[in-house]
Amino acid sequence: MKNSAIFLFLITTVICLFSGCSKAQEKLQDENVSQMNKNILIVYLSRTKNTKAVATIIHKNVGGSLVELELQNPYPEDYKTIVAQVANENETGFLPPLKTKIENIEKFDVVFLGFPTWGMQLPPPMKSFLKQYNLEGKTIVPFNTNAGYGIGSTFQTVKELCPKSKVLEGFSTKGGIERDGVLYVMEGEKEKGVQLEVQKWLKKIGFTN
């Protein structure tokens, strides 16, 4: 009798465990489906086109609207000149006016934000975008390319400028090193590797199955 009771308890426990796992899996699948069905905007800033390449990869995987940020007064081509100008903008808090206009931004549920790391900070044009548009209640997904020094304070600044948004785990990969004359690198094996990394990241945050 005692053995029968123990056996019944074990069977019941196993059933409950599997039921819990099944429900957790169903919940995760439901979250993924809900993410994929949302209206998506992918906004990016790209000087050497590496961030643009990542934005394009994301777009191919999740769809949505793809928009490049452009300035009313474009930055100079010379690397040292732009570095000095951006440093001054960061120091003074100047927000460069955007040429890009996004109509009906309220219709988007999810906004992917793509940008390079400039001086270990979020580029001023991206700050302009986050200050100009109301992203309250939206899901924000940052992605970044950099010269090998990492994201700096970029992702943290996105969170600070989007206090009423849900900011998901971001993605970062090494791009070019403009200082050394290494510009566009998203080709060949590098591009294939980044595609796999992006797909893995999108799956982790619930945008692909």
C-alpha atoms as a PDB file:
ATOM      1  CA  MET A   1       0.000   0.000   0.000  1.00  0.00           C
ATOM      2  CA  LYS A   2       2.841   2.353   0.936  1.00  0.00           C
ATOM      3  CA  ASN A   3       4.674   1.583  -2.315  1.00  0.00           C
ATOM      4  CA  SER A   4       1.515   2.278  -4.316  1.00  0.00           C
ATOM      5  CA  ALA A   5       1.131   5.675  -2.670  1.00  0.00           C
ATOM      6  CA  ILE A   6       4.747   6.596  -3.401  1.00  0.00           C
ATOM      7  CA  PHE A   7       4.366   5.479  -7.028  1.00  0.00           C
ATOM      8  CA  LEU A   8       1.201   7.562  -7.415  1.00  0.00           C
ATOM      9  CA  PHE A   9       2.933  10.594  -5.916  1.00  0.00           C
ATOM     10  CA  LEU A  10       5.849  10.258  -8.334  1.00  0.00           C
ATOM     11  CA  ILE A  11       3.557   9.909 -11.344  1.00  0.00           C
ATOM     12  CA  THR A  12       1.573  12.971 -10.276  1.00  0.00           C
ATOM     13  CA  THR A  13       4.769  15.001  -9.786  1.00  0.00           C
ATOM     14  CA  VAL A  14       6.081  14.073 -13.235  1.00  0.00           C
ATOM     15  CA  ILE A  15       2.770  15.004 -14.880  1.00  0.00           C
ATOM     16  CA  CYS A  16       2.769  18.369 -13.120  1.00  0.00           C
ATOM     17  CA  LEU A  17       6.349  19.064 -14.158  1.00  0.00           C
ATOM     18  CA  PHE A  18       5.658  18.283 -17.806  1.00  0.00           C
ATOM     19  CA  SER A  19       2.471  20.318 -17.683  1.00  0.00           C
ATOM     20  CA  GLY A  20       4.386  23.287 -16.284  1.00  0.00           C
ATOM     21  CA  CYS A  21       7.064  22.997 -18.955  1.00  0.00           C
ATOM     22  CA  SER A  22       4.417  22.740 -21.632  1.00  0.00           C
ATOM     23  CA  LYS A  23       2.646  25.860 -20.379  1.00  0.00           C
ATOM     24  CA  ALA A  24       5.949  27.761 -20.163  1.00  0.00           C
ATOM     25  CA  GLN A  25       6.786  26.743 -23.726  1.00  0.00           C
ATOM     26  CA  GLU A  26       3.323  27.762 -24.928  1.00  0.00           C
ATOM     27  CA  LYS A  27       3.731  31.146 -23.198  1.00  0.00           C
ATOM     28  CA  LEU A  28       7.118  31.678 -24.877  1.00  0.00           C
ATOM     29  CA  GLN A  29       5.663  30.738 -28.258  1.00  0.00           C
ATOM     30  CA  ASP A  30       2.743  33.131 -27.702  1.00  0.00           C
ATOM     31  CA  GLU A  31       5.180  35.940 -26.830  1.00  0.00           C
ATOM     32  CA  ASN A  32       7.187  35.250 -29.981  1.00  0.00           C
ATOM     33  CA  VAL A  33       4.069  35.303 -32.154  1.00  0.00           C
ATOM     34  CA  SER A  34       2.891  38.558 -30.556  1.00  0.00           C
ATOM     35  CA  GLN A  35       6.296  40.179 -31.147  1.00  0.00           C
ATOM     36  CA  MET A  36       6.346  39.110 -34.791  1.00  0.00           C
ATOM     37  CA  ASN A  37       2.830  40.441 -35.415  1.00  0.00           C
ATOM     38  CA  LYS A  38       3.631  43.950 -34.213  1.00  0.00           C
ATOM     39  CA  ASN A  39       4.220  46.972 -36.446  1.00  0.00           C
ATOM     40  CA  ILE A  40       7.985  47.402 -36.646  1.00  0.00           C
ATOM     41  CA  LEU A  41      10.132  50.436 -37.445  1.00  0.00           C
ATOM     42  CA  ILE A  42      13.884  50.061 -37.993  1.00  0.00           C
ATOM     43  CA  VAL A  43      15.701  53.402 -37.707  1.00  0.00           C
ATOM     44  CA  TYR A  44      19.448  53.565 -38.207  1.00  0.00           C
ATOM     45  CA  LEU A  45      22.360  55.976 -38.485  1.00  0.00           C
ATOM     46  CA  SER A  46      25.272  54.764 -40.585  1.00  0.00           C
ATOM     47  CA  ARG A  47      28.412  56.575 -41.725  1.00  0.00           C
ATOM     48  CA  THR A  48      30.479  53.703 -43.154  1.00  0.00           C
ATOM     49  CA  LYS A  49      27.398  51.571 -44.032  1.00  0.00           C
ATOM     50  CA  ASN A  50      28.179  48.814 -41.499  1.00  0.00           C
ATOM     51  CA  THR A  51      25.216  49.707 -39.296  1.00  0.00           C
ATOM     52  CA  LYS A  52      23.108  49.916 -42.457  1.00  0.00           C
ATOM     53  CA  ALA A  53      24.139  46.340 -43.301  1.00  0.00           C
ATOM     54  CA  VAL A  54      23.028  45.115 -39.863  1.00  0.00           C
ATOM     55  CA  ALA A  55      19.758  47.039 -40.198  1.00  0.00           C
ATOM     56  CA  THR A  56      19.150  45.359 -43.554  1.00  0.00           C
ATOM     57  CA  ILE A  57      19.772  41.922 -42.043  1.00  0.00           C
ATOM     58  CA  ILE A  58      17.283  42.664 -39.255  1.00  0.00           C
ATOM     59  CA  HIS A  59      14.753  43.919 -41.809  1.00  0.00           C
ATOM     60  CA  LYS A  60      15.036  40.696 -43.813  1.00  0.00           C
ATOM     61  CA  ASN A  61      14.265  38.706 -40.657  1.00  0.00           C
ATOM     62  CA  VAL A  62      11.473  40.744 -39.052  1.00  0.00           C
ATOM     63  CA  GLY A  63      10.088  42.942 -41.843  1.00  0.00           C
ATOM     64  CA  GLY A  64       8.700  46.380 -41.022  1.00  0.00           C
ATOM     65  CA  SER A  65       9.741  49.820 -42.242  1.00  0.00           C
ATOM     66  CA  LEU A  66      13.429  50.595 -42.766  1.00  0.00           C
ATOM     67  CA  VAL A  67      14.473  54.243 -42.358  1.00  0.00           C
ATOM     68  CA  GLU A  68      17.919  55.882 -42.455  1.00  0.00           C
ATOM     69  CA  LEU A  69      18.489  58.978 -40.331  1.00  0.00           C
ATOM     70  CA  GLU A  70      19.770  61.892 -42.396  1.00  0.00           C
ATOM     71  CA  LEU A  71      20.758  65.354 -41.198  1.00  0.00           C
ATOM     72  CA  GLN A  72      19.708  68.743 -42.533  1.00  0.00           C
ATOM     73  CA  ASN A  73      23.423  69.592 -42.481  1.00  0.00           C
ATOM     74  CA  PRO A  74      25.436  66.421 -43.169  1.00  0.00           C
ATOM     75  CA  TYR A  75      28.630  65.770 -41.253  1.00  0.00           C
ATOM     76  CA  PRO A  76      31.943  66.465 -43.034  1.00  0.00           C
ATOM     77  CA  GLU A  77      33.671  63.596 -44.802  1.00  0.00           C
ATOM     78  CA  ASP A  78      37.026  64.179 -43.096  1.00  0.00           C
ATOM     79  CA  TYR A  79      37.374  61.855 -40.108  1.00  0.00           C
ATOM     80  CA  LYS A  80      39.267  64.236 -37.775  1.00  0.00           C
ATOM     81  CA  THR A  81      36.839  67.053 -38.538  1.00  0.00           C
ATOM     82  CA  ILE A  82      33.769  64.982 -37.704  1.00  0.00           C
ATOM     83  CA  VAL A  83      35.386  63.672 -34.516  1.00  0.00           C
ATOM     84  CA  ALA A  84      35.984  67.251 -33.342  1.00  0.00           C
ATOM     85  CA  GLN A  85      32.464  68.333 -34.308  1.00  0.00           C
ATOM     86  CA  VAL A  86      30.780  65.404 -32.541  1.00  0.00           C
ATOM     87  CA  ALA A  87      32.909  65.959 -29.421  1.00  0.00           C
ATOM     88  CA  ASN A  88      31.732  69.585 -29.346  1.00  0.00           C
ATOM     89  CA  GLU A  89      28.096  68.536 -29.830  1.00  0.00           C
ATOM     90  CA  ASN A  90      28.357  66.065 -26.958  1.00  0.00           C
ATOM     91  CA  GLU A  91      29.973  68.684 -24.730  1.00  0.00           C
ATOM     92  CA  THR A  92      27.418  71.393 -25.467  1.00  0.00           C
ATOM     93  CA  GLY A  93      24.377  69.134 -25.743  1.00  0.00           C
ATOM     94  CA  PHE A  94      23.673  70.297 -29.287  1.00  0.00           C
ATOM     95  CA  LEU A  95      21.142  68.146 -31.144  1.00  0.00           C
ATOM     96  CA  PRO A  96      21.642  68.307 -34.931  1.00  0.00           C
ATOM     97  CA  PRO A  97      18.364  68.875 -36.845  1.00  0.00           C
ATOM     98  CA  LEU A  98      17.148  65.852 -38.789  1.00  0.00           C
ATOM     99  CA  LYS A  99      16.224  65.884 -42.453  1.00  0.00           C
ATOM    100  CA  THR A 100      14.422  62.552 -41.980  1.00  0.00           C
ATOM    101  CA  LYS A 101      10.738  62.826 -41.114  1.00  0.00           C
ATOM    102  CA  ILE A 102       8.715  59.856 -39.893  1.00  0.00           C
ATOM    103  CA  GLU A 103       4.980  60.158 -40.351  1.00  0.00           C
ATOM    104  CA  ASN A 104       2.514  58.512 -37.980  1.00  0.00           C
ATOM    105  CA  ILE A 105       5.158  57.093 -35.663  1.00  0.00           C
ATOM    106  CA  GLU A 106       2.357  56.259 -33.226  1.00  0.00           C
ATOM    107  CA  LYS A 107       1.356  53.303 -35.445  1.00  0.00           C
ATOM    108  CA  PHE A 108       4.593  51.449 -34.638  1.00  0.00           C
ATOM    109  CA  ASP A 109       4.713  49.113 -31.638  1.00  0.00           C
ATOM    110  CA  VAL A 110       8.407  48.225 -31.915  1.00  0.00           C
ATOM    111  CA  VAL A 111      11.311  50.519 -32.823  1.00  0.00           C
ATOM    112  CA  PHE A 112      14.737  49.071 -33.610  1.00  0.00           C
ATOM    113  CA  LEU A 113      17.475  51.703 -33.165  1.00  0.00           C
ATOM    114  CA  GLY A 114      20.763  51.203 -35.004  1.00  0.00           C
ATOM    115  CA  PHE A 115      23.873  53.332 -34.539  1.00  0.00           C
ATOM    116  CA  PRO A 116      27.674  53.245 -34.336  1.00  0.00           C
ATOM    117  CA  THR A 117      29.603  54.099 -31.172  1.00  0.00           C
ATOM    118  CA  TRP A 118      31.034  57.621 -31.501  1.00  0.00           C
ATOM    119  CA  GLY A 119      33.495  58.686 -28.811  1.00  0.00           C
ATOM    120  CA  MET A 120      32.088  55.865 -26.621  1.00  0.00           C
ATOM    121  CA  GLN A 121      28.732  57.660 -26.679  1.00  0.00           C
ATOM    122  CA  LEU A 122      25.405  57.603 -28.527  1.00  0.00           C
ATOM    123  CA  PRO A 123      25.732  59.689 -31.719  1.00  0.00           C
ATOM    124  CA  PRO A 124      24.057  63.125 -31.460  1.00  0.00           C
ATOM    125  CA  PRO A 125      21.690  62.439 -34.418  1.00  0.00           C
ATOM    126  CA  MET A 126      20.241  59.442 -32.582  1.00  0.00           C
ATOM    127  CA  LYS A 127      19.759  61.624 -29.519  1.00  0.00           C
ATOM    128  CA  SER A 128      17.930  64.078 -31.790  1.00  0.00           C
ATOM    129  CA  PHE A 129      15.607  61.311 -32.921  1.00  0.00           C
ATOM    130  CA  LEU A 130      14.871  60.107 -29.390  1.00  0.00           C
ATOM    131  CA  LYS A 131      14.177  63.670 -28.231  1.00  0.00           C
ATOM    132  CA  GLN A 132      12.004  64.529 -31.239  1.00  0.00           C
ATOM    133  CA  TYR A 133       9.666  61.539 -31.254  1.00  0.00           C
ATOM    134  CA  ASN A 134       7.406  60.237 -28.509  1.00  0.00           C
ATOM    135  CA  LEU A 135       8.216  56.547 -28.012  1.00  0.00           C
ATOM    136  CA  GLU A 136       6.254  56.114 -24.784  1.00  0.00           C
ATOM    137  CA  GLY A 137       4.801  52.627 -24.411  1.00  0.00           C
ATOM    138  CA  LYS A 138       6.755  51.204 -27.338  1.00  0.00           C
ATOM    139  CA  THR A 139       9.278  48.372 -27.318  1.00  0.00           C
ATOM    140  CA  ILE A 140      12.766  49.692 -28.119  1.00  0.00           C
ATOM    141  CA  VAL A 141      15.491  47.409 -29.495  1.00  0.00           C
ATOM    142  CA  PRO A 142      19.003  48.907 -29.836  1.00  0.00           C
ATOM    143  CA  PHE A 143      21.703  47.536 -32.132  1.00  0.00           C
ATOM    144  CA  ASN A 144      25.227  48.782 -32.596  1.00  0.00           C
ATOM    145  CA  THR A 145      28.429  48.575 -34.610  1.00  0.00           C
ATOM    146  CA  ASN A 146      31.748  49.790 -33.273  1.00  0.00           C
ATOM    147  CA  ALA A 147      35.483  49.820 -33.958  1.00  0.00           C
ATOM    148  CA  GLY A 148      36.197  47.151 -31.373  1.00  0.00           C
ATOM    149  CA  TYR A 149      35.866  49.255 -28.233  1.00  0.00           C
ATOM    150  CA  GLY A 150      32.317  48.158 -27.491  1.00  0.00           C
ATOM    151  CA  ILE A 151      29.034  49.990 -26.954  1.00  0.00           C
ATOM    152  CA  GLY A 152      30.324  52.532 -24.435  1.00  0.00           C
ATOM    153  CA  SER A 153      27.390  54.332 -22.831  1.00  0.00           C
ATOM    154  CA  THR A 154      25.167  54.038 -25.919  1.00  0.00           C
ATOM    155  CA  PHE A 155      22.651  51.450 -24.690  1.00  0.00           C
ATOM    156  CA  GLN A 156      22.419  53.115 -21.281  1.00  0.00           C
ATOM    157  CA  THR A 157      21.687  56.470 -22.930  1.00  0.00           C
ATOM    158  CA  VAL A 158      18.903  54.860 -24.973  1.00  0.00           C
ATOM    159  CA  LYS A 159      17.333  53.642 -21.731  1.00  0.00           C
ATOM    160  CA  GLU A 160      17.666  57.079 -20.156  1.00  0.00           C
ATOM    161  CA  LEU A 161      16.047  58.791 -23.142  1.00  0.00           C
ATOM    162  CA  CYS A 162      13.239  56.217 -23.312  1.00  0.00           C
ATOM    163  CA  PRO A 163      12.141  56.059 -19.648  1.00  0.00           C
ATOM    164  CA  LYS A 164       8.569  55.077 -20.500  1.00  0.00           C
ATOM    165  CA  SER A 165       9.471  52.452 -23.105  1.00  0.00           C
ATOM    166  CA  LYS A 166      10.399  48.800 -22.774  1.00  0.00           C
ATOM    167  CA  VAL A 167      14.042  48.510 -23.854  1.00  0.00           C
ATOM    168  CA  LEU A 168      15.082  44.987 -24.839  1.00  0.00           C
ATOM    169  CA  GLU A 169      18.531  43.406 -24.870  1.00  0.00           C
ATOM    170  CA  GLY A 170      20.596  44.978 -27.628  1.00  0.00           C
ATOM    171  CA  PHE A 171      22.954  43.612 -30.263  1.00  0.00           C
ATOM    172  CA  SER A 172      26.502  44.745 -30.992  1.00  0.00           C
ATOM    173  CA  THR A 173      29.171  43.705 -33.473  1.00  0.00           C
ATOM    174  CA  LYS A 174      32.518  45.026 -34.665  1.00  0.00           C
ATOM    175  CA  GLY A 175      32.340  47.104 -37.826  1.00  0.00           C
ATOM    176  CA  GLY A 176      34.981  49.193 -39.535  1.00  0.00           C
ATOM    177  CA  ILE A 177      37.771  51.272 -37.999  1.00  0.00           C
ATOM    178  CA  GLU A 178      37.459  54.581 -39.804  1.00  0.00           C
ATOM    179  CA  ARG A 179      40.429  56.049 -37.935  1.00  0.00           C
ATOM    180  CA  ASP A 180      42.637  53.423 -39.609  1.00  0.00           C
ATOM    181  CA  GLY A 181      40.981  53.712 -43.012  1.00  0.00           C
ATOM    182  CA  VAL A 182      39.024  50.461 -42.549  1.00  0.00           C
ATOM    183  CA  LEU A 183      35.494  51.306 -43.660  1.00  0.00           C
ATOM    184  CA  TYR A 184      32.878  48.815 -44.903  1.00  0.00           C
ATOM    185  CA  VAL A 185      33.566  45.280 -43.628  1.00  0.00           C
ATOM    186  CA  MET A 186      30.181  43.512 -43.872  1.00  0.00           C
ATOM    187  CA  GLU A 187      31.188  41.255 -46.743  1.00  0.00           C
ATOM    188  CA  GLY A 188      32.007  37.586 -47.279  1.00  0.00           C
ATOM    189  CA  GLU A 189      32.531  35.506 -44.142  1.00  0.00           C
ATOM    190  CA  LYS A 190      32.088  38.536 -41.892  1.00  0.00           C
ATOM    191  CA  GLU A 191      28.617  39.162 -43.302  1.00  0.00           C
ATOM    192  CA  LYS A 192      27.651  35.487 -42.938  1.00  0.00           C
ATOM    193  CA  GLY A 193      28.829  35.494 -39.333  1.00  0.00           C
ATOM    194  CA  VAL A 194      26.854  38.620 -38.489  1.00  0.00           C
ATOM    195  CA  GLN A 195      23.742  37.185 -40.140  1.00  0.00           C
ATOM    196  CA  LEU A 196      23.923  34.154 -37.840  1.00  0.00           C
ATOM    197  CA  GLU A 197      24.589  36.330 -34.787  1.00  0.00           C
ATOM    198  CA  VAL A 198      21.607  38.560 -35.600  1.00  0.00           C
ATOM    199  CA  GLN A 199      19.307  35.567 -36.127  1.00  0.00           C
ATOM    200  CA  LYS A 200      20.382  34.080 -32.788  1.00  0.00           C
ATOM    201  CA  TRP A 201      19.802  37.399 -31.026  1.00  0.00           C
ATOM    202  CA  LEU A 202      16.386  37.942 -32.634  1.00  0.00           C
ATOM    203  CA  LYS A 203      15.306  34.488 -31.548  1.00  0.00           C
ATOM    204  CA  LYS A 204      16.515  35.139 -27.995  1.00  0.00           C
ATOM    205  CA  ILE A 205      14.474  38.340 -27.670  1.00  0.00           C
ATOM    206  CA  GLY A 206      11.373  36.788 -29.221  1.00  0.00           C
ATOM    207  CA  PHE A 207      11.236  38.031 -32.800  1.00  0.00           C
ATOM    208  CA  THR A 208      11.789  34.760 -34.646  1.00  0.00           C
ATOM    209  CA  ASN A 209      10.914  31.121 -33.959  1.00  0.00           C
END
